[in-house]
C-alpha atoms as a PDB file:
ATOM      1  CA  UNK A   1     -27.142  24.175   6.497  1.00  0.00           C
ATOM      2  CA  UNK A   2     -23.307  24.743   6.301  1.00  0.00           C
ATOM      3  CA  UNK A   3     -20.364  21.979   6.276  1.00  0.00           C
ATOM      4  CA  UNK A   4     -17.901  22.380   9.097  1.00  0.00           C
ATOM      5  CA  UNK A   5     -14.089  22.471   7.575  1.00  0.00           C
ATOM      6  CA  UNK A   6     -10.671  22.227   8.709  1.00  0.00           C
ATOM      7  CA  UNK A   7      -7.692  23.085   6.557  1.00  0.00           C
ATOM      8  CA  UNK A   8      -5.243  21.419   6.598  1.00  0.00           C
ATOM      9  CA  UNK A   9      -1.756  22.518   5.370  1.00  0.00           C
ATOM     10  CA  UNK A  10       1.489  20.475   5.050  1.00  0.00           C
ATOM     11  CA  UNK A  11       4.925  20.965   3.982  1.00  0.00           C
ATOM     12  CA  UNK A  12       8.406  21.664   4.954  1.00  0.00           C
ATOM     13  CA  UNK A  13       7.646  24.956   6.661  1.00  0.00           C
ATOM     14  CA  UNK A  14      11.562  25.671   6.431  1.00  0.00           C
ATOM     15  CA  UNK A  15      10.798  28.022   8.326  1.00  0.00           C
ATOM     16  CA  UNK A  16       7.055  29.089   8.574  1.00  0.00           C
ATOM     17  CA  UNK A  17       7.108  32.585   6.596  1.00  0.00           C
ATOM     18  CA  UNK A  18       4.024  35.162   7.371  1.00  0.00           C
ATOM     19  CA  UNK A  19       2.363  33.684   3.791  1.00  0.00           C
ATOM     20  CA  UNK A  20       1.586  30.335   5.843  1.00  0.00           C
ATOM     21  CA  UNK A  21      -0.509  32.055   8.193  1.00  0.00           C
ATOM     22  CA  UNK A  22      -2.074  34.195   5.412  1.00  0.00           C
ATOM     23  CA  UNK A  23      -2.970  31.292   3.101  1.00  0.00           C
ATOM     24  CA  UNK A  24      -5.342  30.134   6.333  1.00  0.00           C
ATOM     25  CA  UNK A  25      -7.109  33.770   6.493  1.00  0.00           C
ATOM     26  CA  UNK A  26      -7.296  34.127   2.941  1.00  0.00           C
ATOM     27  CA  UNK A  27      -9.039  30.395   2.752  1.00  0.00           C
ATOM     28  CA  UNK A  28     -11.126  30.831   5.853  1.00  0.00           C
ATOM     29  CA  UNK A  29     -12.749  34.293   4.157  1.00  0.00           C
ATOM     30  CA  UNK A  30     -13.509  32.716   0.961  1.00  0.00           C
ATOM     31  CA  UNK A  31     -14.989  29.751   1.855  1.00  0.00           C
ATOM     32  CA  UNK A  32     -17.414  31.919   4.594  1.00  0.00           C
ATOM     33  CA  UNK A  33     -17.931  34.281   1.780  1.00  0.00           C
ATOM     34  CA  UNK A  34     -19.293  30.810  -0.765  1.00  0.00           C
ATOM     35  CA  UNK A  35     -21.975  30.394   1.966  1.00  0.00           C
ATOM     36  CA  UNK A  36     -21.646  26.964   1.948  1.00  0.00           C
ATOM     37  CA  UNK A  37     -18.931  26.331   4.580  1.00  0.00           C
ATOM     38  CA  UNK A  38     -18.086  26.863   7.589  1.00  0.00           C
ATOM     39  CA  UNK A  39     -14.179  27.071   8.556  1.00  0.00           C
ATOM     40  CA  UNK A  40     -14.193  25.838  12.605  1.00  0.00           C
ATOM     41  CA  UNK A  41     -10.039  25.067  12.530  1.00  0.00           C
ATOM     42  CA  UNK A  42      -6.732  25.202  10.999  1.00  0.00           C
ATOM     43  CA  UNK A  43      -4.377  22.474  11.177  1.00  0.00           C
ATOM     44  CA  UNK A  44      -0.244  23.000  10.004  1.00  0.00           C
ATOM     45  CA  UNK A  45       1.279  19.561   9.608  1.00  0.00           C
ATOM     46  CA  UNK A  46       5.466  19.481   8.843  1.00  0.00           C
ATOM     47  CA  UNK A  47       6.926  17.144   7.122  1.00  0.00           C
ATOM     48  CA  UNK A  48       9.028  14.386   8.062  1.00  0.00           C
ATOM     49  CA  UNK A  49      12.855  14.917   8.267  1.00  0.00           C
ATOM     50  CA  UNK A  50      13.044  11.695   5.584  1.00  0.00           C
ATOM     51  CA  UNK A  51      11.497  13.744   3.138  1.00  0.00           C
ATOM     52  CA  UNK A  52      14.895  15.015   2.257  1.00  0.00           C
ATOM     53  CA  UNK A  53      14.476  18.249   0.390  1.00  0.00           C
ATOM     54  CA  UNK A  54      17.441  19.964   0.028  1.00  0.00           C
ATOM     55  CA  UNK A  55      18.287  22.278   3.144  1.00  0.00           C
ATOM     56  CA  UNK A  56      15.932  20.753   5.512  1.00  0.00           C
ATOM     57  CA  UNK A  57      16.452  21.307   9.101  1.00  0.00           C
ATOM     58  CA  UNK A  58      15.373  19.024  11.425  1.00  0.00           C
ATOM     59  CA  UNK A  59      11.344  18.380  12.874  1.00  0.00           C
ATOM     60  CA  UNK A  60      12.482  19.451  15.727  1.00  0.00           C
ATOM     61  CA  UNK A  61      13.575  23.047  15.247  1.00  0.00           C
ATOM     62  CA  UNK A  62      10.681  23.210  12.488  1.00  0.00           C
ATOM     63  CA  UNK A  63       8.232  22.115  15.101  1.00  0.00           C
ATOM     64  CA  UNK A  64       9.426  24.392  17.837  1.00  0.00           C
ATOM     65  CA  UNK A  65       9.354  27.378  15.781  1.00  0.00           C
ATOM     66  CA  UNK A  66       5.800  27.330  14.377  1.00  0.00           C
ATOM     67  CA  UNK A  67       4.777  26.261  17.928  1.00  0.00           C
ATOM     68  CA  UNK A  68       6.268  29.868  18.462  1.00  0.00           C
ATOM     69  CA  UNK A  69       4.460  31.484  15.343  1.00  0.00           C
ATOM     70  CA  UNK A  70       1.149  29.654  16.377  1.00  0.00           C
ATOM     71  CA  UNK A  71       0.927  30.960  20.668  1.00  0.00           C
ATOM     72  CA  UNK A  72      -1.413  33.811  19.776  1.00  0.00           C
ATOM     73  CA  UNK A  73      -3.469  31.912  16.792  1.00  0.00           C
ATOM     74  CA  UNK A  74      -6.565  31.004  17.973  1.00  0.00           C
ATOM     75  CA  UNK A  75      -7.660  28.890  15.032  1.00  0.00           C
ATOM     76  CA  UNK A  76      -4.814  27.419  13.749  1.00  0.00           C
ATOM     77  CA  UNK A  77      -2.957  24.694  15.446  1.00  0.00           C
ATOM     78  CA  UNK A  78      -0.005  22.147  15.000  1.00  0.00           C
ATOM     79  CA  UNK A  79      -0.238  18.360  14.371  1.00  0.00           C
ATOM     80  CA  UNK A  80       2.907  16.805  14.950  1.00  0.00           C
ATOM     81  CA  UNK A  81       1.729  13.492  13.619  1.00  0.00           C
ATOM     82  CA  UNK A  82       3.306  13.396  10.047  1.00  0.00           C
ATOM     83  CA  UNK A  83       6.765  15.011  11.440  1.00  0.00           C
ATOM     84  CA  UNK A  84       6.905  12.060  14.434  1.00  0.00           C
ATOM     85  CA  UNK A  85       6.317   8.975  12.240  1.00  0.00           C
ATOM     86  CA  UNK A  86       8.718   6.708  11.431  1.00  0.00           C
ATOM     87  CA  UNK A  87       9.133   8.285   7.745  1.00  0.00           C
ATOM     88  CA  UNK A  88       7.898  10.285   5.240  1.00  0.00           C
ATOM     89  CA  UNK A  89       4.067   9.936   4.850  1.00  0.00           C
ATOM     90  CA  UNK A  90       2.184  10.747   1.485  1.00  0.00           C
ATOM     91  CA  UNK A  91      -0.383  13.315   1.683  1.00  0.00           C
ATOM     92  CA  UNK A  92      -3.556  10.904   1.235  1.00  0.00           C
ATOM     93  CA  UNK A  93      -2.842   9.237   4.485  1.00  0.00           C
ATOM     94  CA  UNK A  94      -2.004  12.410   5.865  1.00  0.00           C
ATOM     95  CA  UNK A  95      -5.621  13.971   5.242  1.00  0.00           C
ATOM     96  CA  UNK A  96      -7.077  10.635   6.312  1.00  0.00           C
ATOM     97  CA  UNK A  97      -4.914  10.281   9.343  1.00  0.00           C
ATOM     98  CA  UNK A  98      -6.592  13.840  10.919  1.00  0.00           C
ATOM     99  CA  UNK A  99      -9.940  12.999   9.633  1.00  0.00           C
ATOM    100  CA  UNK A 100     -10.544   9.587  10.560  1.00  0.00           C
ATOM    101  CA  UNK A 101      -9.638  11.081  14.223  1.00  0.00           C
ATOM    102  CA  UNK A 102     -12.189  13.244  13.804  1.00  0.00           C
ATOM    103  CA  UNK A 103     -14.188  11.044  13.192  1.00  0.00           C
ATOM    104  CA  UNK A 104     -13.690   8.677  15.466  1.00  0.00           C
ATOM    105  CA  UNK A 105     -13.520  11.798  18.067  1.00  0.00           C
ATOM    106  CA  UNK A 106     -16.837  13.179  17.325  1.00  0.00           C
ATOM    107  CA  UNK A 107     -18.522   9.974  17.519  1.00  0.00           C
ATOM    108  CA  UNK A 108     -17.566   9.197  20.821  1.00  0.00           C
ATOM    109  CA  UNK A 109     -19.998  10.278  23.797  1.00  0.00           C
ATOM    110  CA  UNK A 110     -16.589  10.647  26.308  1.00  0.00           C
ATOM    111  CA  UNK A 111     -13.470  11.041  24.763  1.00  0.00           C
ATOM    112  CA  UNK A 112     -12.401   7.839  24.977  1.00  0.00           C
ATOM    113  CA  UNK A 113      -9.141   6.196  23.786  1.00  0.00           C
ATOM    114  CA  UNK A 114      -8.578   9.845  21.985  1.00  0.00           C
ATOM    115  CA  UNK A 115      -4.631  10.427  22.212  1.00  0.00           C
ATOM    116  CA  UNK A 116      -3.817  13.455  23.719  1.00  0.00           C
ATOM    117  CA  UNK A 117      -1.558  14.065  20.734  1.00  0.00           C
ATOM    118  CA  UNK A 118      -4.512  14.552  18.030  1.00  0.00           C
ATOM    119  CA  UNK A 119      -6.532  16.761  20.695  1.00  0.00           C
ATOM    120  CA  UNK A 120      -4.012  19.384  20.683  1.00  0.00           C
ATOM    121  CA  UNK A 121      -4.216  20.116  16.829  1.00  0.00           C
ATOM    122  CA  UNK A 122      -8.389  19.679  17.473  1.00  0.00           C
ATOM    123  CA  UNK A 123     -10.684  22.968  17.318  1.00  0.00           C
ATOM    124  CA  UNK A 124     -11.651  23.842  20.438  1.00  0.00           C
ATOM    125  CA  UNK A 125     -15.557  23.185  21.977  1.00  0.00           C
ATOM    126  CA  UNK A 126     -15.143  20.956  17.925  1.00  0.00           C
ATOM    127  CA  UNK A 127     -18.934  19.107  19.938  1.00  0.00           C
ATOM    128  CA  UNK A 128     -20.382  22.889  20.423  1.00  0.00           C
ATOM    129  CA  UNK A 129     -18.951  23.839  17.065  1.00  0.00           C
ATOM    130  CA  UNK A 130     -20.308  21.244  14.803  1.00  0.00           C
ATOM    131  CA  UNK A 131     -23.882  21.169  16.442  1.00  0.00           C
ATOM    132  CA  UNK A 132     -25.640  18.062  15.650  1.00  0.00           C
ATOM    133  CA  UNK A 133     -23.794  17.987  12.482  1.00  0.00           C
ATOM    134  CA  UNK A 134     -20.872  15.570  12.320  1.00  0.00           C
ATOM    135  CA  UNK A 135     -19.730  15.509   8.937  1.00  0.00           C
ATOM    136  CA  UNK A 136     -16.966  17.988   9.318  1.00  0.00           C
ATOM    137  CA  UNK A 137     -14.097  17.641   6.502  1.00  0.00           C
ATOM    138  CA  UNK A 138     -11.256  17.867   6.277  1.00  0.00           C
ATOM    139  CA  UNK A 139      -9.384  19.713   3.027  1.00  0.00           C
ATOM    140  CA  UNK A 140      -6.338  20.277   1.754  1.00  0.00           C
ATOM    141  CA  UNK A 141      -5.168  24.115   1.808  1.00  0.00           C
ATOM    142  CA  UNK A 142      -2.217  24.466  -0.582  1.00  0.00           C
ATOM    143  CA  UNK A 143      -0.717  27.038  -3.397  1.00  0.00           C
ATOM    144  CA  UNK A 144      -0.766  26.718  -7.359  1.00  0.00           C
ATOM    145  CA  UNK A 145       2.840  24.642  -7.138  1.00  0.00           C
ATOM    146  CA  UNK A 146       0.830  21.763  -5.316  1.00  0.00           C
ATOM    147  CA  UNK A 147      -1.980  21.469  -7.958  1.00  0.00           C
ATOM    148  CA  UNK A 148       0.196  22.179 -10.631  1.00  0.00           C
ATOM    149  CA  UNK A 149       2.406  19.158  -9.970  1.00  0.00           C
ATOM    150  CA  UNK A 150      -0.371  16.737  -9.653  1.00  0.00           C
ATOM    151  CA  UNK A 151       0.426  16.508 -13.681  1.00  0.00           C
ATOM    152  CA  UNK A 152       4.049  15.982 -13.022  1.00  0.00           C
ATOM    153  CA  UNK A 153       5.088  12.324 -14.605  1.00  0.00           C
ATOM    154  CA  UNK A 154       5.852   9.903 -11.617  1.00  0.00           C
ATOM    155  CA  UNK A 155       4.919  12.598  -8.648  1.00  0.00           C
ATOM    156  CA  UNK A 156       1.719  11.394  -8.197  1.00  0.00           C
ATOM    157  CA  UNK A 157      -0.076   8.003  -7.893  1.00  0.00           C
ATOM    158  CA  UNK A 158      -3.832   8.507  -9.608  1.00  0.00           C
ATOM    159  CA  UNK A 159      -5.540   7.166  -7.043  1.00  0.00           C
ATOM    160  CA  UNK A 160      -3.822   9.253  -4.291  1.00  0.00           C
ATOM    161  CA  UNK A 161      -5.105  12.129  -6.565  1.00  0.00           C
ATOM    162  CA  UNK A 162      -8.635  10.971  -6.864  1.00  0.00           C
ATOM    163  CA  UNK A 163      -8.349  10.300  -2.367  1.00  0.00           C
ATOM    164  CA  UNK A 164      -7.307  13.786  -2.117  1.00  0.00           C
ATOM    165  CA  UNK A 165      -9.203  15.627  -4.479  1.00  0.00           C
ATOM    166  CA  UNK A 166     -12.567  13.121  -4.065  1.00  0.00           C
ATOM    167  CA  UNK A 167     -12.691  12.226  -0.837  1.00  0.00           C
ATOM    168  CA  UNK A 168     -11.449  15.489   1.039  1.00  0.00           C
ATOM    169  CA  UNK A 169     -11.137  18.176  -1.598  1.00  0.00           C
ATOM    170  CA  UNK A 170      -8.772  20.843  -2.395  1.00  0.00           C
ATOM    171  CA  UNK A 171      -8.313  24.848  -1.551  1.00  0.00           C
ATOM    172  CA  UNK A 172      -5.843  26.332  -3.310  1.00  0.00           C
ATOM    173  CA  UNK A 173      -4.952  29.812  -3.265  1.00  0.00           C
ATOM    174  CA  UNK A 174      -3.427  31.100  -6.395  1.00  0.00           C
ATOM    175  CA  UNK A 175      -1.873  34.584  -7.865  1.00  0.00           C
ATOM    176  CA  UNK A 176      -3.246  36.569 -10.716  1.00  0.00           C
ATOM    177  CA  UNK A 177      -2.609  35.494 -13.754  1.00  0.00           C
ATOM    178  CA  UNK A 178      -2.008  31.889 -13.038  1.00  0.00           C
ATOM    179  CA  UNK A 179      -4.382  29.615 -15.636  1.00  0.00           C
ATOM    180  CA  UNK A 180      -5.405  26.807 -12.958  1.00  0.00           C
ATOM    181  CA  UNK A 181      -8.801  26.367 -14.713  1.00  0.00           C
ATOM    182  CA  UNK A 182      -7.169  25.267 -17.844  1.00  0.00           C
ATOM    183  CA  UNK A 183      -4.622  23.142 -15.883  1.00  0.00           C
ATOM    184  CA  UNK A 184      -7.769  21.567 -14.385  1.00  0.00           C
ATOM    185  CA  UNK A 185      -9.955  21.063 -17.693  1.00  0.00           C
ATOM    186  CA  UNK A 186      -6.214  19.426 -19.366  1.00  0.00           C
ATOM    187  CA  UNK A 187      -6.589  16.478 -16.202  1.00  0.00           C
ATOM    188  CA  UNK A 188      -9.325  14.144 -16.251  1.00  0.00           C
ATOM    189  CA  UNK A 189      -9.374  13.254 -12.774  1.00  0.00           C
ATOM    190  CA  UNK A 190      -8.963  17.095 -11.478  1.00  0.00           C
ATOM    191  CA  UNK A 191     -12.447  17.634 -14.332  1.00  0.00           C
ATOM    192  CA  UNK A 192     -14.155  14.720 -12.565  1.00  0.00           C
ATOM    193  CA  UNK A 193     -13.816  16.300  -8.946  1.00  0.00           C
ATOM    194  CA  UNK A 194     -14.079  19.895 -10.562  1.00  0.00           C
ATOM    195  CA  UNK A 195     -16.638  20.847  -7.796  1.00  0.00           C
ATOM    196  CA  UNK A 196     -14.533  19.704  -5.107  1.00  0.00           C
ATOM    197  CA  UNK A 197     -11.652  22.258  -5.978  1.00  0.00           C
ATOM    198  CA  UNK A 198     -11.491  25.679  -4.578  1.00  0.00           C
ATOM    199  CA  UNK A 199      -9.281  28.011  -6.561  1.00  0.00           C
ATOM    200  CA  UNK A 200      -9.029  31.705  -4.400  1.00  0.00           C
ATOM    201  CA  UNK A 201      -6.937  34.159  -5.929  1.00  0.00           C
ATOM    202  CA  UNK A 202      -5.012  36.412  -3.896  1.00  0.00           C
ATOM    203  CA  UNK A 203      -5.416  39.705  -5.264  1.00  0.00           C
ATOM    204  CA  UNK A 204      -2.723  41.370  -2.127  1.00  0.00           C
ATOM    205  CA  UNK A 205       0.536  40.091  -4.014  1.00  0.00           C
ATOM    206  CA  UNK A 206       3.217  38.444  -1.247  1.00  0.00           C
ATOM    207  CA  UNK A 207       5.967  36.551  -2.390  1.00  0.00           C
ATOM    208  CA  UNK A 208       7.509  35.723   0.389  1.00  0.00           C
ATOM    209  CA  UNK A 209       8.850  31.766   0.369  1.00  0.00           C
ATOM    210  CA  UNK A 210      11.047  30.207   2.918  1.00  0.00           C
ATOM    211  CA  UNK A 211      13.577  29.408   0.122  1.00  0.00           C
ATOM    212  CA  UNK A 212      13.733  33.386  -0.353  1.00  0.00           C
ATOM    213  CA  UNK A 213      14.185  33.768   3.491  1.00  0.00           C
ATOM    214  CA  UNK A 214      16.615  30.994   4.240  1.00  0.00           C
ATOM    215  CA  UNK A 215      18.568  32.852   0.899  1.00  0.00           C
ATOM    216  CA  UNK A 216      18.204  35.646   3.150  1.00  0.00           C
ATOM    217  CA  UNK A 217      19.607  35.147   6.762  1.00  0.00           C
ATOM    218  CA  UNK A 218      22.341  33.358   4.857  1.00  0.00           C
ATOM    219  CA  UNK A 219      23.215  36.791   3.385  1.00  0.00           C
ATOM    220  CA  UNK A 220      23.066  38.509   6.776  1.00  0.00           C
ATOM    221  CA  UNK A 221      19.755  40.414   5.747  1.00  0.00           C
ATOM    222  CA  UNK A 222      16.614  41.350   7.705  1.00  0.00           C
ATOM    223  CA  UNK A 223      13.838  39.226   7.282  1.00  0.00           C
ATOM    224  CA  UNK A 224      11.563  41.238   9.922  1.00  0.00           C
ATOM    225  CA  UNK A 225       7.946  40.973   9.091  1.00  0.00           C
ATOM    226  CA  UNK A 226       8.323  38.110   6.563  1.00  0.00           C
ATOM    227  CA  UNK A 227       8.394  35.960   9.856  1.00  0.00           C
ATOM    228  CA  UNK A 228       7.178  35.952  13.142  1.00  0.00           C
ATOM    229  CA  UNK A 229       9.657  38.190  15.172  1.00  0.00           C
ATOM    230  CA  UNK A 230       9.676  35.104  17.736  1.00  0.00           C
ATOM    231  CA  UNK A 231      10.456  32.701  14.968  1.00  0.00           C
ATOM    232  CA  UNK A 232      13.466  35.283  13.923  1.00  0.00           C
ATOM    233  CA  UNK A 233      14.624  35.159  17.416  1.00  0.00           C
ATOM    234  CA  UNK A 234      14.626  31.184  17.440  1.00  0.00           C
ATOM    235  CA  UNK A 235      16.387  31.279  14.203  1.00  0.00           C
ATOM    236  CA  UNK A 236      19.308  33.590  15.362  1.00  0.00           C
ATOM    237  CA  UNK A 237      19.222  31.723  19.003  1.00  0.00           C
ATOM    238  CA  UNK A 238      19.960  28.371  17.336  1.00  0.00           C
ATOM    239  CA  UNK A 239      21.775  29.730  14.419  1.00  0.00           C
ATOM    240  CA  UNK A 240      19.692  27.926  11.934  1.00  0.00           C
ATOM    241  CA  UNK A 241      19.998  28.842   8.152  1.00  0.00           C
ATOM    242  CA  UNK A 242      23.479  30.466   8.611  1.00  0.00           C
ATOM    243  CA  UNK A 243      21.968  33.181  10.490  1.00  0.00           C
ATOM    244  CA  UNK A 244      24.894  34.117  12.660  1.00  0.00           C
ATOM    245  CA  UNK A 245      24.846  37.979  11.941  1.00  0.00           C
ATOM    246  CA  UNK A 246      21.201  38.024  10.497  1.00  0.00           C
ATOM    247  CA  UNK A 247      19.811  41.907  11.330  1.00  0.00           C
ATOM    248  CA  UNK A 248      16.521  42.071  13.062  1.00  0.00           C
ATOM    249  CA  UNK A 249      16.180  45.532  12.707  1.00  0.00           C
END
């Protein structure tokens, strides 16, 4: 029996790009091909304003843009839980929160005491999709840069890495010529949980990044086909990222 999986991506999404959305598609295809997993949903969880990264605009705008981008998406949803906390939340806590909510929801026959905000990010008909199997796993979907950041001294606590990889698992979207197996081999913690790390190579190269998008917007260059049209309209409406004169067509 396949294990039901929900893919969760946490990040700035400043702004959300087509590549962010593409990651979910690539990961789902790969997990389905493996034959062990059934991806029943995807979750985008933008960081809190207190994350403090340079050029990070307010969570209100980032949430609104993600909502617009996902209007026609039938399986990836927005969770605003992380963005609405009192302060920045560690990745381990984000995964655990969503996992705990799913577990509690599936165990509740009448869905008593379920927060309406949590229902917004949960997969549609989750009880039906899981059948009698209640072992849904929330896995962290990320790029190779996040996995490599585990090796940065002082950035991650060992117990957090162990919980993220050991209890949940990683689905890492990487590029050609990136040697992640060697990086994993050089880490005792990652090697210990090697079976929980799925490396997915993106063979159709796409170098879209939020940093490059912001640079283009500052320079009044077109970003059409790089981010959803509805997001472009929103950015121009509120003159975000210095976009007053951005070309759309």
